[in-house]
Amino acid sequence: EKAPFFSNRQSSVALARPGSMAPWLDDIIGDWQDDKGNQYQVRKDADGTSCSVRTTRKNGHVVLTRAMLKFDVKSDLLMWGRSYYLQTEAYDHSKVYWKPLKNVPPYTWYRLYSEEAIV
């Protein structure tokens, strides 16, 4: 069974103040790629409470979605929109799992390092 990505940070979210850089954002910021070759650039939003995602599809189509990733205090999960939540098997900076809340396929993101990422 996969454990929540941020489960080792029990009190970090409770200590985050509105408008401050929530500690959980540090772990997801960066460049990622999924199994299908789509790339995701995750950047902190100006308010420090969410992340925007620039998606570059394998075919070159680019979409920027502001405030796509947010922490849901009620469920204690990092949410991707309203359909996915973040989980991993262990605290691992190289990959993350997006589990669906609906009947849609899950995603796995693999961290890209500067030489692999789209500029």
Foldseek 3Di string as FASTA:
>chain_A
DWDALCVVPVCQQVPDDFQAQRPVLVLPAAKKAWPQGKIWHWDADNSNFAIWIWIQHPVGDIDIGPRQWGQDPVVRFTHRHPFWTWTGRYNDSQKIKTDTPDPDDIIMIGGDDPVPDDD
